[in-house]
Amino acid sequence: MMITSQLGGSAATRCGEAKHVAVFFSDIVDFTALSERLSPYDVMYLLNRYFAQVGDIIEQNGGFVDKLIGDGLMAIFGIDGQPDAPLRAVNAALQTLATVDRLKPFFASMYGIDFDIRIGLNYGEAVIGTLGLAGHERLTAVGDVVNLASRIEAANKDAGTRLLISETLRDQIADKVEIADFVRVRLRGSAERTSLFEIVGLNPEIDAELNAKRPRETIRQGGRRWIRAFAEDELQPHERRVLDFENYDIVVIRGSDSYCAFNNACPHLHLPLYERRSPAQAEALKLPHTESTITADLGLVCRWHQSCFDLLTGEIRGWAKLEQDGTRAGLEYLGDISKNRAKLIVYPCRKQDGFVWIGLE
């Protein structure tokens, strides 16, 4: 389910109904101190990249991104009555933490920061409906289950944990997850102590069932390994798709009568040329976004320093918007970009049997 549809027409039909849902709250550790060390541009880029990846994880697990509040994110699982919503919420939380762990080295090298998050999950009955001024309505959840989820997330700080869930959620999935420990805490606004549980993973058989990935079909031909990407009709002319591989991402763009594929990383700044989320989705989530662009003669204009690459050869067609010392305004700390003459990594594409294939070697 796409975020654009979740925030659009489907939301307008909800007048208010009680449902049992799992509520997901996340927050960035010490974000105020972190943001004071970075430029406003870097803060927004960091948040944009983080939220875009977490939003994908939420959607892939059948969740709904309710709102972004500064560095915090709230999501709901089970809006449409999915029986496995509690398990999906936990799976999304674990995948989010794994994604953050993969982002840590990048943020450390780029900004010299220790980036981490905390997540709290709760399960219970909430009122689901649309709220907001005319023309700005959005689907949301209200009730104690939401407030408690936020307080559970905050409890991670004192507990020294990253992921805590409520007892009511634990009861739904106790035989499907690995629990490291439990803590007894007095949540904000409560006089009584509450049991919270630290989750470290899914049971292996549940993980294999829930997260099984079908391997892409591969053939060897002409001394090259070809991977079947997707059916031709899945991508319309002038649309793009970012494909996830283990060690890198590949962007595929469909032209009028051909396809181009390239590594989704600027070879000079090692930053993504395209985000996974489309501009429409980014706008719906109020995320800042800029786009690399494709010229009529198959040139790729990098969104970071506006240099142009040839999509057929990967060669640099021309530099643009660099200072006299070769740096990019706002990214001076990266040094003289013009000294790096690396080409864009491109991959051959071909059509066969109604599918698009990409040659990787």
Protein backbone atom coordinates (compact mmCIF):
# COMPACT_ATOMS: atom_id res chain seq x y z
CA MET A 1 0.00 0.00 0.00
CA MET A 2 1.52 3.31 -1.04
CA ILE A 3 1.79 6.20 1.39
CA THR A 4 0.21 8.50 -1.15
CA SER A 5 -2.95 6.39 -1.17
CA GLN A 6 -2.92 6.08 2.59
CA LEU A 7 -2.89 9.83 3.03
CA GLY A 8 -5.23 10.51 0.14
CA GLY A 9 -8.53 9.07 -0.99
CA SER A 10 -8.61 6.08 1.31
CA ALA A 11 -8.28 8.29 4.35
CA ALA A 12 -11.30 10.41 3.40
CA THR A 13 -13.66 7.46 3.77
CA ARG A 14 -12.90 6.82 7.46
CA CYS A 15 -15.51 8.37 9.77
CA GLY A 16 -14.32 6.68 12.97
CA GLU A 17 -14.19 3.05 14.03
CA ALA A 18 -12.71 1.12 16.94
CA LYS A 19 -10.00 -1.36 15.96
CA HIS A 20 -7.27 -3.32 17.68
CA VAL A 21 -3.99 -2.04 16.27
CA ALA A 22 -0.28 -2.14 16.96
CA VAL A 23 1.27 1.31 17.38
CA PHE A 24 4.91 2.01 16.49
CA PHE A 25 6.82 5.02 17.88
CA SER A 26 10.45 5.81 17.09
CA ASP A 27 12.75 8.65 18.04
CA ILE A 28 16.37 9.57 17.25
CA VAL A 29 18.72 9.41 20.24
CA ASP A 30 19.95 12.86 21.39
CA PHE A 31 18.62 14.50 18.25
CA THR A 32 18.76 18.05 19.67
CA ALA A 33 22.48 17.80 20.39
CA LEU A 34 23.07 16.06 17.07
CA SER A 35 21.24 18.75 15.08
CA GLU A 36 23.22 21.52 16.77
CA ARG A 37 26.42 20.03 15.33
CA LEU A 38 25.17 19.94 11.74
CA SER A 39 24.15 22.53 9.21
CA PRO A 40 20.40 22.88 8.54
CA TYR A 41 20.93 21.30 5.12
CA ASP A 42 22.68 18.28 6.61
CA VAL A 43 19.96 17.86 9.25
CA MET A 44 17.27 17.75 6.59
CA TYR A 45 19.27 15.39 4.38
CA LEU A 46 19.89 13.03 7.30
CA LEU A 47 16.20 13.00 8.26
CA ASN A 48 15.12 12.62 4.64
CA ARG A 49 17.33 9.59 4.06
CA TYR A 50 16.39 7.97 7.37
CA PHE A 51 12.63 8.53 7.06
CA ALA A 52 12.55 7.39 3.43
CA GLN A 53 14.07 4.02 4.32
CA VAL A 54 11.95 3.53 7.44
CA GLY A 55 8.82 4.47 5.48
CA ASP A 56 9.58 1.71 2.99
CA ILE A 57 9.98 -0.81 5.82
CA ILE A 58 6.66 0.22 7.40
CA GLU A 59 4.83 -0.16 4.08
CA GLN A 60 6.43 -3.48 3.21
CA ASN A 61 5.16 -4.85 6.52
CA GLY A 62 1.60 -3.65 5.90
CA GLY A 63 1.83 -0.63 8.20
CA PHE A 64 0.63 2.94 7.81
CA VAL A 65 2.88 5.96 8.48
CA ASP A 66 0.61 8.15 10.59
CA LYS A 67 2.81 11.18 11.19
CA LEU A 68 6.30 12.60 11.45
CA ILE A 69 6.94 14.87 14.42
CA GLY A 70 10.39 16.40 14.19
CA ASP A 71 12.70 13.40 14.46
CA GLY A 72 9.89 11.11 15.66
CA LEU A 73 7.76 8.74 13.61
CA MET A 74 4.42 7.13 14.42
CA ALA A 75 3.03 4.20 12.44
CA ILE A 76 -0.03 1.98 12.81
CA PHE A 77 -0.39 -1.71 11.96
CA GLY A 78 -3.77 -3.41 11.60
CA ILE A 79 -5.88 -0.55 10.27
CA ASP A 80 -7.54 -2.95 7.82
CA GLY A 81 -7.92 -5.71 10.38
CA GLN A 82 -4.80 -7.72 9.49
CA PRO A 83 -4.61 -10.57 12.05
CA ASP A 84 -0.79 -10.62 12.05
CA ALA A 85 -0.44 -6.87 12.69
CA PRO A 86 1.41 -7.33 16.04
CA LEU A 87 4.00 -9.58 14.43
CA ARG A 88 4.36 -7.28 11.42
CA ALA A 89 4.94 -4.32 13.74
CA VAL A 90 7.73 -6.16 15.57
CA ASN A 91 9.26 -7.26 12.26
CA ALA A 92 9.22 -3.65 11.02
CA ALA A 93 10.88 -2.49 14.24
CA LEU A 94 13.65 -5.08 13.95
CA GLN A 95 14.22 -4.25 10.27
CA THR A 96 14.34 -0.54 11.13
CA LEU A 97 17.05 -1.14 13.73
CA ALA A 98 19.01 -3.23 11.21
CA THR A 99 18.72 -0.42 8.66
CA VAL A 100 19.96 2.12 11.21
CA ASP A 101 22.94 -0.13 11.93
CA ARG A 102 23.76 -0.12 8.21
CA LEU A 103 23.45 3.69 8.11
CA LYS A 104 25.69 4.28 11.13
CA PRO A 105 29.06 4.00 9.32
CA PHE A 106 27.84 6.38 6.60
CA PHE A 107 26.63 9.01 9.07
CA ALA A 108 29.80 8.59 11.15
CA SER A 109 32.09 9.14 8.15
CA MET A 110 30.00 11.97 6.66
CA TYR A 111 29.16 13.92 9.81
CA GLY A 112 31.21 12.43 12.65
CA ILE A 113 28.08 11.52 14.62
CA ASP A 114 26.87 8.44 16.47
CA PHE A 115 23.40 7.91 15.00
CA ASP A 116 20.88 5.66 16.74
CA ILE A 117 17.17 5.38 17.46
CA ARG A 118 14.78 3.92 20.04
CA ILE A 119 11.44 2.22 19.32
CA GLY A 120 8.38 1.51 21.46
CA LEU A 121 5.45 -0.74 20.46
CA ASN A 122 2.02 -1.20 22.00
CA TYR A 123 -1.15 -3.12 21.12
CA GLY A 124 -4.75 -2.35 21.94
CA GLU A 125 -7.96 -0.69 20.85
CA ALA A 126 -7.84 2.72 19.19
CA VAL A 127 -10.27 4.90 17.31
CA ILE A 128 -9.30 5.06 13.62
CA GLY A 129 -10.59 7.94 11.54
CA THR A 130 -9.75 11.09 9.61
CA LEU A 131 -8.93 14.34 11.36
CA GLY A 132 -7.86 17.76 10.14
CA LEU A 133 -9.02 20.96 8.54
CA ALA A 134 -10.82 20.79 5.22
CA GLY A 135 -8.37 19.83 2.51
CA HIS A 136 -5.78 18.69 5.06
CA GLU A 137 -7.49 15.62 6.50
CA ARG A 138 -5.42 12.59 7.33
CA LEU A 139 -6.03 9.13 8.68
CA THR A 140 -4.88 8.70 12.27
CA ALA A 141 -5.39 6.74 15.49
CA VAL A 142 -6.35 8.18 18.86
CA GLY A 143 -6.63 6.61 22.30
CA ASP A 144 -4.64 5.42 25.28
CA VAL A 145 -2.90 2.75 23.20
CA VAL A 146 -1.21 5.54 21.21
CA ASN A 147 -0.18 7.56 24.27
CA LEU A 148 1.23 4.48 25.95
CA ALA A 149 3.27 3.53 22.88
CA SER A 150 4.95 6.94 22.98
CA ARG A 151 5.80 6.49 26.67
CA ILE A 152 7.18 3.01 26.03
CA GLU A 153 9.52 4.45 23.40
CA ALA A 154 10.71 7.04 25.95
CA ALA A 155 11.32 4.29 28.55
CA ASN A 156 14.17 2.91 26.40
CA LYS A 157 16.39 5.76 27.56
CA ASP A 158 16.38 4.77 31.24
CA ALA A 159 16.35 1.04 30.44
CA GLY A 160 19.37 1.30 28.12
CA THR A 161 17.48 -0.54 25.36
CA ARG A 162 16.55 0.12 21.72
CA LEU A 163 13.26 -1.77 21.36
CA LEU A 164 10.64 -2.28 24.06
CA ILE A 165 7.11 -3.65 23.70
CA SER A 166 4.13 -3.70 26.03
CA GLU A 167 2.83 -6.77 27.82
CA THR A 168 -0.36 -6.71 25.74
CA LEU A 169 1.68 -6.88 22.54
CA ARG A 170 3.97 -9.55 24.01
CA ASP A 171 0.92 -11.71 24.71
CA GLN A 172 0.02 -11.67 20.99
CA ILE A 173 3.43 -12.90 19.79
CA ALA A 174 5.17 -14.51 22.78
CA ASP A 175 5.92 -17.77 20.96
CA LYS A 176 7.18 -16.03 17.81
CA VAL A 177 9.90 -13.71 19.13
CA GLU A 178 13.12 -13.86 21.11
CA ILE A 179 12.88 -11.84 24.32
CA ALA A 180 16.18 -10.77 25.87
CA ASP A 181 14.82 -9.40 29.14
CA PHE A 182 12.01 -7.48 30.75
CA VAL A 183 11.96 -4.32 32.85
CA ARG A 184 9.55 -2.94 35.41
CA VAL A 185 9.18 0.80 34.93
CA ARG A 186 6.89 3.61 35.96
CA LEU A 187 5.84 5.23 32.70
CA ARG A 188 5.35 8.95 32.46
CA GLY A 189 1.95 9.96 33.79
CA SER A 190 1.40 6.63 35.59
CA ALA A 191 1.66 5.84 39.30
CA GLU A 192 2.03 2.10 38.75
CA ARG A 193 4.94 0.08 37.44
CA THR A 194 4.51 -1.60 34.06
CA SER A 195 6.28 -4.62 32.55
CA LEU A 196 8.02 -3.98 29.24
CA PHE A 197 9.88 -6.55 27.14
CA GLU A 198 13.07 -6.16 25.13
CA ILE A 199 12.85 -7.91 21.76
CA VAL A 200 16.06 -8.98 20.00
CA GLY A 201 14.68 -10.99 17.08
CA LEU A 202 12.08 -13.31 15.62
CA ASN A 203 12.19 -17.04 16.11
CA PRO A 204 14.23 -18.47 13.19
CA GLU A 205 11.29 -20.34 11.62
CA ILE A 206 9.04 -17.27 11.86
CA ASP A 207 11.77 -15.05 10.41
CA ALA A 208 12.27 -17.44 7.49
CA GLU A 209 8.53 -17.57 6.81
CA LEU A 210 7.91 -13.83 7.12
CA ASN A 211 11.01 -12.51 5.38
CA ALA A 212 11.69 -15.11 2.73
CA LYS A 213 12.92 -13.51 -0.48
CA ARG A 214 12.57 -15.15 -3.84
CA PRO A 215 15.96 -15.10 -5.56
CA ARG A 216 16.04 -13.23 -8.85
CA GLU A 217 16.35 -15.46 -11.89
CA THR A 218 19.90 -15.43 -13.25
CA ILE A 219 21.37 -16.67 -16.50
CA ARG A 220 24.90 -16.69 -17.91
CA GLN A 221 25.20 -15.52 -21.50
CA GLY A 222 27.93 -13.92 -23.60
CA GLY A 223 30.39 -14.06 -20.72
CA ARG A 224 28.13 -11.97 -18.50
CA ARG A 225 25.73 -12.73 -15.62
CA TRP A 226 22.25 -11.41 -16.36
CA ILE A 227 19.59 -10.90 -13.69
CA ARG A 228 15.89 -10.67 -14.48
CA ALA A 229 14.73 -7.35 -13.02
CA PHE A 230 10.99 -7.01 -13.77
CA ALA A 231 8.36 -7.36 -16.49
CA GLU A 232 8.52 -4.72 -19.23
CA ASP A 233 5.01 -3.43 -18.53
CA GLU A 234 5.86 -2.75 -14.85
CA LEU A 235 7.75 0.39 -15.83
CA GLN A 236 6.22 3.05 -18.05
CA PRO A 237 8.25 5.32 -20.39
CA HIS A 238 10.28 7.92 -18.46
CA GLU A 239 9.67 6.16 -15.13
CA ARG A 240 12.41 4.74 -12.90
CA ARG A 241 12.83 2.02 -10.33
CA VAL A 242 15.47 1.48 -7.65
CA LEU A 243 16.40 -2.19 -7.27
CA ASP A 244 17.86 -3.42 -4.00
CA PHE A 245 20.91 -5.67 -4.18
CA GLU A 246 22.95 -6.94 -1.25
CA ASN A 247 25.86 -4.51 -1.58
CA TYR A 248 24.45 -1.73 -3.75
CA ASP A 249 21.35 -0.33 -5.42
CA ILE A 250 20.75 -0.09 -9.16
CA VAL A 251 18.50 2.48 -10.82
CA VAL A 252 16.67 1.42 -13.99
CA ILE A 253 15.16 4.16 -16.15
CA ARG A 254 12.91 3.47 -19.13
CA GLY A 255 13.32 5.77 -22.10
CA SER A 256 11.12 5.98 -25.17
CA ASP A 257 12.35 2.66 -26.57
CA SER A 258 15.17 1.46 -24.33
CA TYR A 259 16.30 1.00 -20.73
CA CYS A 260 19.33 2.36 -18.87
CA ALA A 261 20.72 1.02 -15.59
CA PHE A 262 23.36 2.49 -13.29
CA ASN A 263 24.69 2.32 -9.75
CA ASN A 264 22.62 4.54 -7.45
CA ALA A 265 25.64 6.37 -6.05
CA CYS A 266 27.39 9.51 -7.18
CA PRO A 267 30.97 8.30 -7.83
CA HIS A 268 32.34 11.55 -6.41
CA LEU A 269 30.31 12.03 -3.21
CA HIS A 270 29.07 8.46 -2.72
CA LEU A 271 25.57 9.76 -2.03
CA PRO A 272 22.38 8.32 -3.60
CA LEU A 273 21.41 9.81 -6.95
CA TYR A 274 17.78 8.81 -6.35
CA GLU A 275 15.82 8.05 -3.21
CA ARG A 276 13.50 5.07 -3.20
CA ARG A 277 10.47 7.24 -2.56
CA SER A 278 8.96 9.04 -5.52
CA PRO A 279 8.60 12.86 -5.45
CA ALA A 280 4.83 12.46 -4.93
CA GLN A 281 5.35 10.22 -1.93
CA ALA A 282 7.98 12.55 -0.48
CA GLU A 283 5.57 15.47 -0.84
CA ALA A 284 2.80 13.51 0.89
CA LEU A 285 5.14 12.86 3.83
CA LYS A 286 6.39 16.47 3.80
CA LEU A 287 9.92 15.21 3.15
CA PRO A 288 12.41 17.51 1.42
CA HIS A 289 13.57 16.10 -1.87
CA THR A 290 15.66 16.97 -4.88
CA GLU A 291 15.97 14.89 -8.00
CA SER A 292 18.76 13.93 -10.32
CA THR A 293 17.51 14.54 -13.86
CA ILE A 294 17.77 12.79 -17.20
CA THR A 295 18.42 14.82 -20.36
CA ALA A 296 16.93 14.10 -23.76
CA ASP A 297 20.25 12.74 -25.00
CA LEU A 298 20.59 10.24 -22.11
CA GLY A 299 22.67 12.32 -19.75
CA LEU A 300 22.29 12.05 -15.97
CA VAL A 301 22.62 15.35 -14.09
CA CYS A 302 23.71 14.61 -10.51
CA ARG A 303 21.50 16.25 -7.93
CA TRP A 304 24.48 16.90 -5.63
CA HIS A 305 26.92 18.85 -7.81
CA GLN A 306 25.05 19.13 -11.14
CA SER A 307 27.72 17.35 -13.15
CA CYS A 308 26.47 15.33 -16.11
CA PHE A 309 27.21 11.66 -16.84
CA ASP A 310 26.63 9.74 -20.06
CA LEU A 311 24.17 6.94 -19.25
CA LEU A 312 25.50 4.71 -22.02
CA THR A 313 29.21 4.92 -21.13
CA GLY A 314 29.28 6.39 -17.62
CA GLU A 315 31.75 9.07 -18.77
CA ILE A 316 31.65 12.58 -17.27
CA ARG A 317 30.24 14.93 -19.87
CA GLY A 318 30.92 18.07 -17.89
CA TRP A 319 31.36 19.58 -14.46
CA ALA A 320 29.04 22.26 -13.19
CA LYS A 321 28.37 24.35 -10.10
CA LEU A 322 31.73 23.82 -8.42
CA GLU A 323 33.67 26.56 -6.65
CA GLN A 324 37.07 27.62 -7.96
CA ASP A 325 38.77 25.28 -5.52
CA GLY A 326 36.73 22.34 -6.84
CA THR A 327 34.39 22.10 -3.85
CA ARG A 328 30.60 22.11 -3.88
CA ALA A 329 28.91 24.96 -2.00
CA GLY A 330 27.53 23.56 1.25
CA LEU A 331 29.67 20.42 0.98
CA GLU A 332 33.09 22.01 1.26
CA TYR A 333 34.20 19.54 3.92
CA LEU A 334 34.22 16.81 1.25
CA GLY A 335 37.17 18.46 -0.44
CA ASP A 336 38.01 19.02 -4.11
CA ILE A 337 35.44 16.99 -6.02
CA SER A 338 36.97 17.85 -9.39
CA LYS A 339 40.05 15.74 -8.62
CA ASN A 340 37.93 12.59 -8.65
CA ARG A 341 37.38 11.68 -12.29
CA ALA A 342 35.61 8.38 -11.60
CA LYS A 343 32.92 7.39 -14.08
CA LEU A 344 29.36 6.52 -13.21
CA ILE A 345 28.99 2.73 -13.08
CA VAL A 346 26.50 1.69 -15.76
CA TYR A 347 25.08 -1.73 -16.58
CA PRO A 348 23.79 -3.07 -19.92
CA CYS A 349 20.07 -3.76 -20.22
CA ARG A 350 18.16 -5.95 -22.63
CA LYS A 351 14.60 -7.14 -23.20
CA GLN A 352 13.84 -10.84 -23.49
CA ASP A 353 10.61 -12.83 -23.17
CA GLY A 354 8.73 -9.78 -21.91
CA PHE A 355 11.23 -9.04 -19.12
CA VAL A 356 14.02 -6.51 -18.54
CA TRP A 357 17.40 -8.10 -17.78
CA ILE A 358 20.47 -6.35 -16.30
CA GLY A 359 24.03 -7.49 -16.95
CA LEU A 360 26.14 -7.31 -13.78
CA GLU A 361 29.47 -8.76 -14.89
